[in-house]
Amino acid sequence: MSKIKSVTSKIYRIPLSEPLMDAKHGNHTHFELITVRVILNNGLEGTGYTYTGGRGGSAIKAMIDNDIVPFVLGKNSTTVEDINDELQWYLHYVGRGGISSFAISAVDIALWDIRGKTLNQPLSNMSGGVNTKCLAYCGGIDLNFSLPKLLNNIRGYLALGVKGVKIKIGRDQLEDDIERIRQVRNLIGPNISLMVDANYSMNITRAIKAAKLFEQYDVLWFEEPIEPDNFSGYGTVSKGSSVALAMGENLHTMREFEHAFELSKLSFIQPDASNCGGITCWLKVAKKAKEKNINISSHGMQELHVSLVSGQGSKNWIEIHSFPIDQYTLRPLQLNNGFAIAPDTPGIGVEFDWEKLEDAADRN
């Protein structure tokens, strides 16, 4: 039996090249990366991780070190789903999402890394095996960019060959949002998909008004128009416009996703394996999405999600996020003709450049 011998965590605070802003979270000056390394009694090692927008990382690490590590030591590493379920209940009273979901996710991802290495299987195979590539779009945290800077940023995205771009909206005046959408659509032309993300900054009335105005610009999806906990409110917004709705990055438990599937009338669901309970829970969401005929996409962590989303099918989207975690790995995201290519190495396919991480964190 391959028992868990040790679990160690570390936190890195990585500065961004410039402050980035959205409509709800203020300036992002750095992101936090919390890594977990699990070693078995046979010497096999797996790596997992989670991240934040700059706050809460120390609490996540503390929960891993003080609560999760003592609980999982000595457990059979092959029972990944059982360990995930046990942790959910072990931390239920103080958890049910939030910090506990981030902490569980990091450990779960490390155990999936070990599973893949044990089975000699890449994550794209373990996550469904439908394909080894998927659609990719660039999603910028760019609400604070002037219009000329925004458009220049979009040109950089197009130079990568991606098939979609996403911009932040939620400015004080809705007219400003519409003008930015109009200018971006004119720049990218009709064959590149355009998504918009309000970071839940609107009320229902404003969201419906905005969505109706978006219709003329062929917006693929309207992401997080209102607060993610208002599941029925999404259903109301959906009825008010033909523009498809997307959300999921702020849902951290299966119960929350179940509410979204039943009440929110979404066209795209966007689980993040770093905060929804790991790969185990991401795959549960993907299974439910397939049953509901809802497109499975992802949020951030392109270096990991490329395998999860590809395994579900090539017509699904991953987001190339402004937090460039993949730039601190030995295999940054690879693109070919607008598609992101999943790694074929056993495990999760993510190996960090530890020296580069240390150097970047030291500069923060």
Foldseek 3Di string as FASTA:
>chain_A
DWFWAFKDKDKFWFAAPDWFAFQPDGTQGTKMKMKMWIATPVGDIFIFIFIGSGPDPVVLNCCLVPPVGVVRGGPDLVPLLVSLVVQCVSCVVVCQFDSSLLNLLRVSQRSLQSVQVVVFFELLCVLAQPFQKAFEEAEESHPVPDLVRVLVVVVVRVVQQAQEYEYEDADPDLVVVLVSLVVNLVSVDDRGAYEYENPQNAALVVLLVSQASCVVSRHQEYENVHDLQPLQSLVVSVVSHVHAYEYACRAAEVVSLVSNLVHRRHQEYAHESSTNSHPSVLSVSLVVCVVSVHAYEYEDPCLQVRSNNRSSHHHYYYYDYSNQQQVQWPDRWDDDNNMTGHDGGGGSRTHGNVVVSVVSSVVD
